């Protein structure tokens, strides 16, 4: 039997999301004030133990290296399509219908684009729901 989903975030998740949002705002402001388009940012908590509880390499990259490479390729192809003479960046103004687009890609069995759209939707949800 499935457990019902919790409606409230845990204290850890709330702290991580809050930290992510604060850093995202900080780096978005810094990016707009800078001409450098590839500013390196981090959205991880500053607490060492909290960072260890987010195993990006061992818990994501090690599991899905080929899938992540395929998603990166989709990002590059999209950038080349919409902004051929600009450095790689996500132009969020180009599409906000991630779920509809994701479902179209599912029907076409274009799994790389399904994954990209799922990540895009998740990212925008995290950014818009503190």
N, C-alpha and C. Protein backbone atom coordinates (compact mmCIF):
# COMPACT_ATOMS: atom_id res chain seq x y z
N UNK A 1 0.83 -1.17 0.00
CA UNK A 1 0.00 0.00 0.00
C UNK A 1 0.88 1.25 0.00
N UNK A 2 0.54 2.23 -0.83
CA UNK A 2 1.34 3.44 -0.92
C UNK A 2 1.05 4.36 0.26
N UNK A 3 2.11 5.03 0.71
CA UNK A 3 1.93 6.01 1.76
C UNK A 3 1.41 7.29 1.13
N UNK A 4 0.50 8.00 1.80
CA UNK A 4 0.03 9.27 1.24
C UNK A 4 1.16 10.28 1.25
N UNK A 5 1.18 11.14 0.24
CA UNK A 5 2.22 12.16 0.16
C UNK A 5 1.99 13.23 1.22
N UNK A 6 3.06 13.69 1.82
CA UNK A 6 2.97 14.76 2.80
C UNK A 6 2.70 16.07 2.08
N UNK A 7 1.87 16.89 2.67
CA UNK A 7 1.56 18.19 2.10
C UNK A 7 2.62 19.22 2.48
N UNK A 8 3.24 19.06 3.66
CA UNK A 8 4.21 20.03 4.12
C UNK A 8 5.62 19.52 3.89
N UNK A 9 6.51 20.45 3.66
CA UNK A 9 7.91 20.10 3.48
C UNK A 9 8.56 19.88 4.83
N UNK A 10 9.57 19.01 4.84
CA UNK A 10 10.32 18.81 6.07
C UNK A 10 11.16 20.05 6.35
N UNK A 11 11.66 20.17 7.56
CA UNK A 11 12.51 21.30 7.92
C UNK A 11 13.74 21.34 7.03
N UNK A 12 14.35 20.18 6.76
CA UNK A 12 15.52 20.11 5.90
C UNK A 12 15.19 20.62 4.51
N UNK A 13 14.08 20.13 3.92
CA UNK A 13 13.69 20.55 2.58
C UNK A 13 13.41 22.04 2.55
N UNK A 14 12.73 22.55 3.55
CA UNK A 14 12.42 23.98 3.61
C UNK A 14 13.71 24.79 3.65
N UNK A 15 14.69 24.35 4.45
CA UNK A 15 15.97 25.07 4.52
C UNK A 15 16.71 25.01 3.19
N UNK A 16 16.71 23.85 2.55
CA UNK A 16 17.40 23.71 1.27
C UNK A 16 16.73 24.59 0.22
N UNK A 17 15.40 24.53 0.14
CA UNK A 17 14.69 25.34 -0.85
C UNK A 17 14.91 26.82 -0.59
N UNK A 18 14.85 27.23 0.67
CA UNK A 18 15.08 28.63 1.01
C UNK A 18 16.48 29.06 0.60
N UNK A 19 17.47 28.21 0.89
CA UNK A 19 18.84 28.51 0.51
C UNK A 19 18.99 28.59 -1.01
N UNK A 20 18.35 27.67 -1.72
CA UNK A 20 18.40 27.66 -3.18
C UNK A 20 17.82 28.96 -3.72
N UNK A 21 16.67 29.35 -3.20
CA UNK A 21 16.02 30.56 -3.70
C UNK A 21 16.85 31.80 -3.41
N UNK A 22 17.39 31.90 -2.20
CA UNK A 22 18.23 33.06 -1.86
C UNK A 22 19.44 33.15 -2.79
N UNK A 23 20.09 32.02 -2.99
CA UNK A 23 21.27 32.02 -3.86
C UNK A 23 20.89 32.28 -5.31
N UNK A 24 19.77 31.73 -5.74
CA UNK A 24 19.33 31.96 -7.12
C UNK A 24 19.07 33.44 -7.35
N UNK A 25 18.40 34.10 -6.39
CA UNK A 25 18.14 35.54 -6.52
C UNK A 25 19.46 36.31 -6.54
N UNK A 26 20.37 35.94 -5.65
CA UNK A 26 21.67 36.60 -5.58
C UNK A 26 22.41 36.48 -6.92
N UNK A 27 22.48 35.28 -7.45
CA UNK A 27 23.22 35.07 -8.68
C UNK A 27 22.49 35.64 -9.89
N UNK A 28 21.17 35.65 -9.86
CA UNK A 28 20.42 36.29 -10.96
C UNK A 28 20.72 37.78 -10.98
N UNK A 29 20.74 38.41 -9.80
CA UNK A 29 21.08 39.83 -9.73
C UNK A 29 22.51 40.07 -10.19
N UNK A 30 23.43 39.22 -9.75
CA UNK A 30 24.83 39.36 -10.14
C UNK A 30 24.99 39.18 -11.65
N UNK A 31 24.26 38.22 -12.21
CA UNK A 31 24.34 37.96 -13.65
C UNK A 31 23.85 39.17 -14.44
N UNK A 32 22.75 39.76 -14.00
CA UNK A 32 22.21 40.91 -14.73
C UNK A 32 23.16 42.10 -14.66
N UNK A 33 23.91 42.22 -13.58
CA UNK A 33 24.85 43.32 -13.44
C UNK A 33 26.18 43.04 -14.14
N UNK A 34 26.38 41.82 -14.59
CA UNK A 34 27.64 41.42 -15.18
C UNK A 34 27.46 41.10 -16.66
N UNK A 35 28.53 41.24 -17.41
CA UNK A 35 28.49 40.85 -18.82
C UNK A 35 28.93 39.40 -18.99
N UNK A 36 29.32 38.76 -17.90
CA UNK A 36 29.77 37.37 -17.96
C UNK A 36 28.55 36.47 -17.92
N UNK A 37 28.38 35.63 -18.95
CA UNK A 37 27.18 34.80 -19.04
C UNK A 37 27.33 33.44 -18.38
N UNK A 38 28.53 33.02 -18.09
CA UNK A 38 28.71 31.68 -17.53
C UNK A 38 29.16 31.73 -16.08
N UNK A 39 28.60 32.66 -15.32
CA UNK A 39 28.92 32.78 -13.91
C UNK A 39 28.63 31.46 -13.20
N UNK A 40 29.61 30.94 -12.49
CA UNK A 40 29.41 29.70 -11.77
C UNK A 40 28.63 29.99 -10.50
N UNK A 41 27.62 29.19 -10.25
CA UNK A 41 26.80 29.38 -9.06
C UNK A 41 26.68 28.07 -8.32
N UNK A 42 26.31 28.17 -7.07
CA UNK A 42 26.01 26.99 -6.28
C UNK A 42 24.73 27.24 -5.51
N UNK A 43 23.91 26.24 -5.42
CA UNK A 43 22.65 26.36 -4.69
C UNK A 43 22.63 25.41 -3.51
N UNK A 44 23.77 24.92 -3.15
CA UNK A 44 23.87 23.97 -2.04
C UNK A 44 23.91 24.71 -0.71
N UNK A 45 23.45 24.06 0.34
CA UNK A 45 23.54 24.67 1.67
C UNK A 45 25.00 24.88 2.06
N UNK A 46 25.23 25.79 2.96
CA UNK A 46 26.60 26.05 3.41
C UNK A 46 27.05 25.06 4.49
N UNK A 47 26.11 24.44 5.18
CA UNK A 47 26.44 23.47 6.22
C UNK A 47 26.99 22.20 5.60
N UNK A 48 28.14 21.73 6.08
CA UNK A 48 28.82 20.58 5.50
C UNK A 48 27.96 19.31 5.54
N UNK A 49 27.30 19.05 6.66
CA UNK A 49 26.47 17.84 6.75
C UNK A 49 25.27 17.92 5.82
N UNK A 50 24.68 19.09 5.72
CA UNK A 50 23.54 19.25 4.81
C UNK A 50 23.98 19.02 3.36
N UNK A 51 25.16 19.49 3.00
CA UNK A 51 25.69 19.26 1.64
C UNK A 51 25.90 17.78 1.39
N UNK A 52 26.39 17.05 2.40
CA UNK A 52 26.63 15.62 2.23
C UNK A 52 25.32 14.85 2.04
N UNK A 53 24.23 15.41 2.48
CA UNK A 53 22.92 14.78 2.30
C UNK A 53 22.32 15.05 0.93
N UNK A 54 23.07 15.70 0.07
CA UNK A 54 22.65 15.95 -1.32
C UNK A 54 23.74 15.38 -2.23
N UNK A 55 23.76 14.07 -2.44
CA UNK A 55 24.85 13.41 -3.17
C UNK A 55 24.69 13.57 -4.70
N UNK A 56 25.07 14.71 -5.22
CA UNK A 56 24.87 14.99 -6.64
C UNK A 56 25.66 14.01 -7.52
N UNK A 57 26.91 13.79 -7.18
CA UNK A 57 27.73 12.88 -7.99
C UNK A 57 27.31 11.42 -7.79
N UNK A 58 27.37 10.96 -6.53
CA UNK A 58 27.11 9.54 -6.28
C UNK A 58 25.63 9.19 -6.37
N UNK A 59 24.74 10.15 -6.16
CA UNK A 59 23.32 9.87 -6.16
C UNK A 59 22.58 10.25 -7.43
N UNK A 60 23.25 10.98 -8.33
CA UNK A 60 22.61 11.36 -9.60
C UNK A 60 23.53 11.05 -10.78
N UNK A 61 24.68 11.72 -10.81
CA UNK A 61 25.57 11.56 -11.97
C UNK A 61 26.00 10.11 -12.16
N UNK A 62 26.37 9.43 -11.08
CA UNK A 62 26.79 8.02 -11.21
C UNK A 62 25.67 7.12 -11.69
N UNK A 63 24.44 7.46 -11.35
CA UNK A 63 23.31 6.64 -11.77
C UNK A 63 22.96 6.86 -13.24
N UNK A 64 23.07 8.11 -13.71
CA UNK A 64 22.52 8.47 -15.01
C UNK A 64 23.50 9.24 -15.91
N UNK A 65 24.75 8.82 -16.05
CA UNK A 65 25.68 9.62 -16.84
C UNK A 65 25.27 9.76 -18.30
N UNK A 66 24.78 8.70 -18.90
CA UNK A 66 24.38 8.75 -20.32
C UNK A 66 23.14 9.62 -20.49
N UNK A 67 22.20 9.48 -19.58
CA UNK A 67 20.97 10.29 -19.65
C UNK A 67 21.29 11.77 -19.48
N UNK A 68 22.19 12.09 -18.55
CA UNK A 68 22.55 13.49 -18.35
C UNK A 68 23.28 14.05 -19.56
N UNK A 69 24.12 13.24 -20.19
CA UNK A 69 24.79 13.70 -21.41
C UNK A 69 23.77 13.94 -22.51
N UNK A 70 22.76 13.08 -22.61
CA UNK A 70 21.71 13.26 -23.62
C UNK A 70 20.92 14.54 -23.36
N UNK A 71 20.64 14.84 -22.10
CA UNK A 71 19.92 16.07 -21.76
C UNK A 71 20.78 17.28 -22.07
N UNK A 72 22.07 17.20 -21.80
CA UNK A 72 22.98 18.31 -22.12
C UNK A 72 22.99 18.57 -23.63
N UNK A 73 22.94 17.51 -24.40
CA UNK A 73 22.91 17.64 -25.86
C UNK A 73 21.62 18.35 -26.30
N UNK A 74 20.49 18.00 -25.68
CA UNK A 74 19.22 18.66 -25.99
C UNK A 74 19.32 20.15 -25.65
N UNK A 75 19.94 20.49 -24.53
CA UNK A 75 20.12 21.89 -24.15
C UNK A 75 20.89 22.65 -25.22
N UNK A 76 21.98 22.05 -25.67
CA UNK A 76 22.82 22.69 -26.70
C UNK A 76 22.05 22.85 -28.00
N UNK A 77 21.33 21.81 -28.42
CA UNK A 77 20.56 21.88 -29.66
C UNK A 77 19.48 22.95 -29.57
N UNK A 78 18.82 23.06 -28.43
CA UNK A 78 17.81 24.10 -28.25
C UNK A 78 18.40 25.49 -28.29
N UNK A 79 19.54 25.65 -27.64
CA UNK A 79 20.22 26.95 -27.66
C UNK A 79 20.63 27.31 -29.09
N UNK A 80 21.17 26.34 -29.82
CA UNK A 80 21.58 26.60 -31.20
C UNK A 80 20.39 26.93 -32.09
N UNK A 81 19.24 26.34 -31.80
CA UNK A 81 18.04 26.61 -32.58
C UNK A 81 17.50 28.02 -32.31
N UNK A 82 17.43 28.40 -31.05
CA UNK A 82 16.82 29.67 -30.69
C UNK A 82 17.79 30.84 -30.62
N UNK A 83 19.06 30.57 -30.33
CA UNK A 83 20.08 31.62 -30.18
C UNK A 83 21.41 31.14 -30.77
N UNK A 84 21.48 30.97 -32.07
CA UNK A 84 22.67 30.35 -32.68
C UNK A 84 23.98 31.10 -32.45
N UNK A 85 23.91 32.38 -32.22
CA UNK A 85 25.15 33.15 -32.06
C UNK A 85 25.43 33.55 -30.62
N UNK A 86 24.74 32.91 -29.68
CA UNK A 86 24.92 33.26 -28.27
C UNK A 86 25.46 32.06 -27.49
N UNK A 87 26.14 32.34 -26.37
CA UNK A 87 26.62 31.24 -25.52
C UNK A 87 25.44 30.44 -24.97
N UNK A 88 25.70 29.22 -24.59
CA UNK A 88 24.67 28.35 -24.04
C UNK A 88 24.03 29.00 -22.82
N UNK A 89 22.71 29.13 -22.87
CA UNK A 89 21.94 29.65 -21.74
C UNK A 89 20.49 29.21 -21.90
N UNK A 90 19.75 29.24 -20.82
CA UNK A 90 18.34 28.85 -20.84
C UNK A 90 17.50 30.11 -20.96
N UNK A 91 16.90 30.32 -22.10
CA UNK A 91 16.01 31.46 -22.33
C UNK A 91 14.62 31.03 -21.89
N UNK A 92 14.29 31.34 -20.64
CA UNK A 92 13.03 30.89 -20.06
C UNK A 92 11.82 31.54 -20.70
N UNK A 93 12.03 32.61 -21.46
CA UNK A 93 10.91 33.28 -22.12
C UNK A 93 10.43 32.50 -23.35
N UNK A 94 11.21 31.56 -23.84
CA UNK A 94 10.85 30.82 -25.06
C UNK A 94 9.72 29.83 -24.85
N UNK A 95 9.58 29.29 -23.65
CA UNK A 95 8.54 28.29 -23.44
C UNK A 95 8.21 28.16 -21.96
N UNK A 96 6.94 28.19 -21.67
CA UNK A 96 6.52 27.97 -20.29
C UNK A 96 5.56 26.80 -20.19
N UNK A 97 5.33 26.13 -21.29
CA UNK A 97 4.37 25.01 -21.31
C UNK A 97 5.10 23.68 -21.21
N UNK A 98 5.91 23.55 -20.18
CA UNK A 98 6.76 22.36 -20.07
C UNK A 98 5.97 21.06 -20.00
N UNK A 99 4.86 21.05 -19.28
CA UNK A 99 4.12 19.80 -19.15
C UNK A 99 3.46 19.41 -20.47
N UNK A 100 2.89 20.37 -21.20
CA UNK A 100 2.30 20.05 -22.51
C UNK A 100 3.39 19.58 -23.48
N UNK A 101 4.50 20.30 -23.50
CA UNK A 101 5.60 19.91 -24.39
C UNK A 101 6.15 18.54 -24.00
N UNK A 102 6.25 18.29 -22.69
CA UNK A 102 6.76 17.00 -22.23
C UNK A 102 5.85 15.87 -22.71
N UNK A 103 4.54 16.08 -22.63
CA UNK A 103 3.61 15.04 -23.07
C UNK A 103 3.69 14.83 -24.58
N UNK A 104 3.86 15.91 -25.35
CA UNK A 104 4.04 15.75 -26.80
C UNK A 104 5.28 14.91 -27.09
N UNK A 105 6.36 15.20 -26.37
CA UNK A 105 7.59 14.43 -26.57
C UNK A 105 7.41 12.98 -26.14
N UNK A 106 6.58 12.75 -25.12
CA UNK A 106 6.30 11.36 -24.71
C UNK A 106 5.59 10.61 -25.83
N UNK A 107 4.61 11.26 -26.42
CA UNK A 107 3.89 10.61 -27.52
C UNK A 107 4.81 10.29 -28.69
N UNK A 108 5.82 11.15 -28.88
CA UNK A 108 6.81 10.94 -29.94
C UNK A 108 7.94 10.01 -29.52
N UNK A 109 7.92 9.60 -28.25
CA UNK A 109 8.97 8.76 -27.67
C UNK A 109 10.36 9.39 -27.78
N UNK A 110 10.39 10.70 -27.61
CA UNK A 110 11.65 11.45 -27.61
C UNK A 110 12.04 11.66 -26.15
N UNK A 111 12.63 10.60 -25.56
CA UNK A 111 12.86 10.56 -24.13
C UNK A 111 13.86 11.60 -23.64
N UNK A 112 14.81 11.99 -24.47
CA UNK A 112 15.75 13.03 -24.05
C UNK A 112 15.02 14.35 -23.82
N UNK A 113 14.10 14.69 -24.73
CA UNK A 113 13.36 15.93 -24.57
C UNK A 113 12.33 15.83 -23.46
N UNK A 114 11.78 14.63 -23.23
CA UNK A 114 10.89 14.43 -22.09
C UNK A 114 11.65 14.75 -20.80
N UNK A 115 12.86 14.22 -20.67
CA UNK A 115 13.66 14.43 -19.46
C UNK A 115 14.02 15.91 -19.30
N UNK A 116 14.39 16.56 -20.41
CA UNK A 116 14.74 17.99 -20.34
C UNK A 116 13.54 18.79 -19.86
N UNK A 117 12.37 18.50 -20.42
CA UNK A 117 11.16 19.23 -20.03
C UNK A 117 10.78 18.94 -18.59
N UNK A 118 10.98 17.71 -18.14
CA UNK A 118 10.69 17.38 -16.74
C UNK A 118 11.60 18.17 -15.81
N UNK A 119 12.88 18.26 -16.15
CA UNK A 119 13.81 19.04 -15.34
C UNK A 119 13.46 20.53 -15.38
N UNK A 120 13.09 21.03 -16.57
CA UNK A 120 12.71 22.44 -16.69
C UNK A 120 11.50 22.74 -15.82
N UNK A 121 10.52 21.84 -15.85
CA UNK A 121 9.33 22.05 -15.03
C UNK A 121 9.68 22.01 -13.54
N UNK A 122 10.48 21.03 -13.14
CA UNK A 122 10.89 20.94 -11.74
C UNK A 122 11.62 22.19 -11.30
N UNK A 123 12.55 22.67 -12.13
CA UNK A 123 13.32 23.87 -11.79
C UNK A 123 12.40 25.07 -11.61
N UNK A 124 11.47 25.26 -12.53
CA UNK A 124 10.57 26.42 -12.42
C UNK A 124 9.64 26.27 -11.21
N UNK A 125 9.24 25.05 -10.89
CA UNK A 125 8.42 24.84 -9.69
C UNK A 125 9.20 25.18 -8.44
N UNK A 126 10.44 24.75 -8.36
CA UNK A 126 11.28 25.04 -7.20
C UNK A 126 11.48 26.55 -7.07
N UNK A 127 11.70 27.22 -8.19
CA UNK A 127 11.93 28.66 -8.16
C UNK A 127 10.67 29.43 -7.79
N UNK A 128 9.51 28.93 -8.15
CA UNK A 128 8.28 29.69 -7.93
C UNK A 128 7.51 29.31 -6.66
N UNK A 129 7.90 28.23 -6.01
CA UNK A 129 7.17 27.78 -4.81
C UNK A 129 8.12 27.67 -3.62
N UNK A 130 8.27 28.76 -2.90
CA UNK A 130 9.20 28.74 -1.75
C UNK A 130 8.80 27.77 -0.67
